[in-house]
N, C-alpha and C. Protein backbone atom coordinates (compact mmCIF):
# COMPACT_ATOMS: atom_id res chain seq x y z
N MET A 1 0.85 -1.18 0.00
CA MET A 1 0.00 0.00 0.00
C MET A 1 0.89 1.24 0.00
N ASP A 2 0.56 2.20 -0.83
CA ASP A 2 1.31 3.44 -0.87
C ASP A 2 1.03 4.28 0.36
N LEU A 3 2.04 5.03 0.77
CA LEU A 3 1.90 5.90 1.92
C LEU A 3 1.06 7.11 1.55
N PHE A 4 0.07 7.39 2.35
CA PHE A 4 -0.73 8.61 2.20
C PHE A 4 -0.53 9.40 3.47
N GLU A 5 -0.09 10.61 3.35
CA GLU A 5 0.21 11.41 4.53
C GLU A 5 -0.34 12.81 4.38
N ILE A 6 -0.95 13.29 5.44
CA ILE A 6 -1.37 14.69 5.52
C ILE A 6 -0.59 15.31 6.67
N ASP A 7 0.17 16.31 6.38
CA ASP A 7 0.93 17.02 7.40
C ASP A 7 0.54 18.48 7.31
N ASN A 8 -0.26 18.93 8.24
CA ASN A 8 -0.81 20.27 8.19
C ASN A 8 -0.54 20.98 9.51
N THR A 9 0.26 22.01 9.46
CA THR A 9 0.57 22.79 10.66
C THR A 9 -0.06 24.16 10.51
N GLN A 10 -0.82 24.57 11.52
CA GLN A 10 -1.47 25.88 11.50
C GLN A 10 -1.26 26.56 12.85
N ARG A 11 -1.10 27.86 12.81
CA ARG A 11 -1.02 28.63 14.05
C ARG A 11 -2.45 29.06 14.41
N MET A 12 -2.85 28.80 15.65
CA MET A 12 -4.20 29.15 16.11
C MET A 12 -4.18 29.35 17.61
N SER A 13 -5.26 29.84 18.13
CA SER A 13 -5.36 30.03 19.58
C SER A 13 -5.46 28.67 20.29
N ARG A 14 -5.12 28.66 21.55
CA ARG A 14 -5.24 27.45 22.35
C ARG A 14 -6.68 26.94 22.34
N GLU A 15 -7.64 27.86 22.41
CA GLU A 15 -9.05 27.49 22.41
C GLU A 15 -9.45 26.85 21.08
N ALA A 16 -8.96 27.38 19.97
CA ALA A 16 -9.25 26.81 18.66
C ALA A 16 -8.64 25.42 18.52
N ALA A 17 -7.43 25.25 19.04
CA ALA A 17 -6.79 23.93 19.02
C ALA A 17 -7.60 22.94 19.84
N ALA A 18 -8.09 23.37 21.00
CA ALA A 18 -8.91 22.50 21.85
C ALA A 18 -10.19 22.12 21.12
N ALA A 19 -10.80 23.06 20.39
CA ALA A 19 -12.02 22.77 19.64
C ALA A 19 -11.75 21.72 18.56
N ARG A 20 -10.59 21.80 17.89
CA ARG A 20 -10.24 20.80 16.86
C ARG A 20 -10.06 19.43 17.51
N LEU A 21 -9.42 19.38 18.68
CA LEU A 21 -9.24 18.12 19.38
C LEU A 21 -10.58 17.54 19.83
N HIS A 22 -11.48 18.41 20.30
CA HIS A 22 -12.83 17.96 20.70
C HIS A 22 -13.56 17.35 19.50
N ALA A 23 -13.48 18.01 18.36
CA ALA A 23 -14.16 17.51 17.16
C ALA A 23 -13.59 16.16 16.74
N LEU A 24 -12.29 16.01 16.83
CA LEU A 24 -11.66 14.73 16.50
C LEU A 24 -12.10 13.64 17.47
N ALA A 25 -12.11 13.96 18.77
CA ALA A 25 -12.54 13.00 19.79
C ALA A 25 -14.01 12.63 19.59
N ASP A 26 -14.85 13.59 19.28
CA ASP A 26 -16.27 13.31 19.05
C ASP A 26 -16.45 12.39 17.85
N ALA A 27 -15.72 12.63 16.77
CA ALA A 27 -15.82 11.78 15.58
C ALA A 27 -15.39 10.35 15.91
N LEU A 28 -14.33 10.21 16.67
CA LEU A 28 -13.86 8.87 17.04
C LEU A 28 -14.87 8.13 17.90
N SER A 29 -15.48 8.81 18.84
CA SER A 29 -16.41 8.14 19.75
C SER A 29 -17.77 7.86 19.11
N ARG A 30 -18.19 8.68 18.17
CA ARG A 30 -19.51 8.51 17.56
C ARG A 30 -19.50 7.64 16.32
N HIS A 31 -18.47 7.78 15.50
CA HIS A 31 -18.50 7.17 14.17
C HIS A 31 -17.41 6.13 13.94
N ASN A 32 -16.49 5.97 14.86
CA ASN A 32 -15.35 5.07 14.66
C ASN A 32 -14.56 5.42 13.41
N SER A 33 -14.62 6.67 13.01
CA SER A 33 -13.84 7.13 11.86
C SER A 33 -13.64 8.63 11.97
N VAL A 34 -12.68 9.12 11.21
CA VAL A 34 -12.43 10.56 11.15
C VAL A 34 -12.29 10.94 9.68
N GLU A 35 -12.65 12.16 9.36
CA GLU A 35 -12.56 12.65 7.99
C GLU A 35 -11.51 13.74 7.90
N PHE A 36 -10.77 13.71 6.81
CA PHE A 36 -9.77 14.74 6.52
C PHE A 36 -10.03 15.22 5.10
N GLU A 37 -9.66 16.47 4.86
CA GLU A 37 -9.82 17.02 3.52
C GLU A 37 -8.47 17.45 2.99
N ARG A 38 -8.23 17.12 1.72
CA ARG A 38 -6.97 17.49 1.08
C ARG A 38 -7.27 17.80 -0.38
N ASP A 39 -6.89 18.98 -0.80
CA ASP A 39 -7.11 19.41 -2.19
C ASP A 39 -8.57 19.28 -2.60
N GLY A 40 -9.49 19.60 -1.68
CA GLY A 40 -10.90 19.55 -1.98
C GLY A 40 -11.52 18.16 -1.96
N LYS A 41 -10.73 17.14 -1.63
CA LYS A 41 -11.24 15.77 -1.57
C LYS A 41 -11.26 15.30 -0.13
N LYS A 42 -12.30 14.56 0.23
CA LYS A 42 -12.43 14.05 1.60
C LYS A 42 -11.89 12.63 1.69
N LEU A 43 -11.24 12.35 2.79
CA LEU A 43 -10.72 11.02 3.08
C LEU A 43 -11.28 10.59 4.42
N THR A 44 -11.89 9.43 4.47
CA THR A 44 -12.42 8.89 5.72
C THR A 44 -11.50 7.77 6.19
N VAL A 45 -11.03 7.89 7.42
CA VAL A 45 -10.14 6.90 8.00
C VAL A 45 -10.92 6.13 9.06
N SER A 46 -11.09 4.84 8.84
CA SER A 46 -11.76 3.98 9.83
C SER A 46 -10.79 3.65 10.95
N VAL A 47 -11.28 3.74 12.16
CA VAL A 47 -10.45 3.49 13.34
C VAL A 47 -11.06 2.31 14.10
N PRO A 48 -10.26 1.27 14.39
CA PRO A 48 -10.82 0.10 15.07
C PRO A 48 -11.20 0.41 16.52
N ASP A 49 -11.87 -0.55 17.15
CA ASP A 49 -12.33 -0.37 18.52
C ASP A 49 -11.18 -0.22 19.52
N GLU A 50 -10.03 -0.82 19.24
CA GLU A 50 -8.88 -0.71 20.14
C GLU A 50 -7.69 -0.11 19.39
N VAL A 51 -7.05 0.85 20.02
CA VAL A 51 -5.89 1.54 19.46
C VAL A 51 -4.82 1.66 20.53
N GLN A 52 -3.63 2.02 20.11
CA GLN A 52 -2.59 2.38 21.06
C GLN A 52 -2.54 3.89 21.13
N LEU A 53 -2.53 4.43 22.33
CA LEU A 53 -2.47 5.88 22.55
C LEU A 53 -1.11 6.21 23.13
N LYS A 54 -0.41 7.14 22.49
CA LYS A 54 0.90 7.58 22.97
C LYS A 54 0.82 9.09 23.20
N ILE A 55 1.22 9.51 24.38
CA ILE A 55 1.27 10.94 24.70
C ILE A 55 2.71 11.26 25.06
N GLU A 56 3.26 12.24 24.37
CA GLU A 56 4.67 12.60 24.56
C GLU A 56 4.75 14.10 24.83
N VAL A 57 5.54 14.46 25.83
CA VAL A 57 5.75 15.87 26.17
C VAL A 57 7.24 16.15 26.10
N GLU A 58 7.61 17.20 25.38
CA GLU A 58 8.99 17.63 25.30
C GLU A 58 9.06 19.09 25.74
N LEU A 59 9.91 19.37 26.71
CA LEU A 59 10.09 20.73 27.20
C LEU A 59 11.53 21.15 26.93
N GLY A 60 11.70 22.30 26.36
CA GLY A 60 13.03 22.81 26.03
C GLY A 60 12.87 24.19 25.42
N GLU A 61 13.71 24.47 24.39
CA GLU A 61 13.59 25.76 23.70
C GLU A 61 12.22 25.89 23.06
N GLU A 62 11.74 24.80 22.49
CA GLU A 62 10.39 24.75 21.93
C GLU A 62 9.65 23.60 22.60
N ASN A 63 8.51 23.89 23.19
CA ASN A 63 7.74 22.87 23.91
C ASN A 63 6.81 22.14 22.94
N GLU A 64 6.55 20.88 23.24
CA GLU A 64 5.73 20.07 22.35
C GLU A 64 4.90 19.08 23.14
N LEU A 65 3.64 18.96 22.75
CA LEU A 65 2.74 17.93 23.27
C LEU A 65 2.27 17.15 22.04
N GLU A 66 2.61 15.89 21.99
CA GLU A 66 2.28 15.06 20.84
C GLU A 66 1.34 13.95 21.27
N ILE A 67 0.24 13.81 20.54
CA ILE A 67 -0.75 12.77 20.81
C ILE A 67 -0.82 11.90 19.57
N GLU A 68 -0.61 10.60 19.75
CA GLU A 68 -0.55 9.71 18.60
C GLU A 68 -1.42 8.47 18.83
N LEU A 69 -2.24 8.14 17.85
CA LEU A 69 -3.01 6.90 17.86
C LEU A 69 -2.46 6.00 16.78
N THR A 70 -2.21 4.73 17.12
CA THR A 70 -1.78 3.77 16.12
C THR A 70 -2.61 2.50 16.26
N TRP A 71 -2.70 1.76 15.17
CA TRP A 71 -3.39 0.48 15.18
C TRP A 71 -2.83 -0.39 14.09
């Protein structure tokens, strides 16, 4: 299978970032899938009932909170 990757970085307020995370969490809990849009086309990613959740925090010159789901 070919690699399909969406890497989208946007600057936004903390509240806007929280709203995006809420929308993602709601989609996962309600539909077992999430939708992404790229070049005007929608992609639906099915997510199984069990996933691995990784939370990583890096503190230094630039701070980072990374949340990753894998299956």
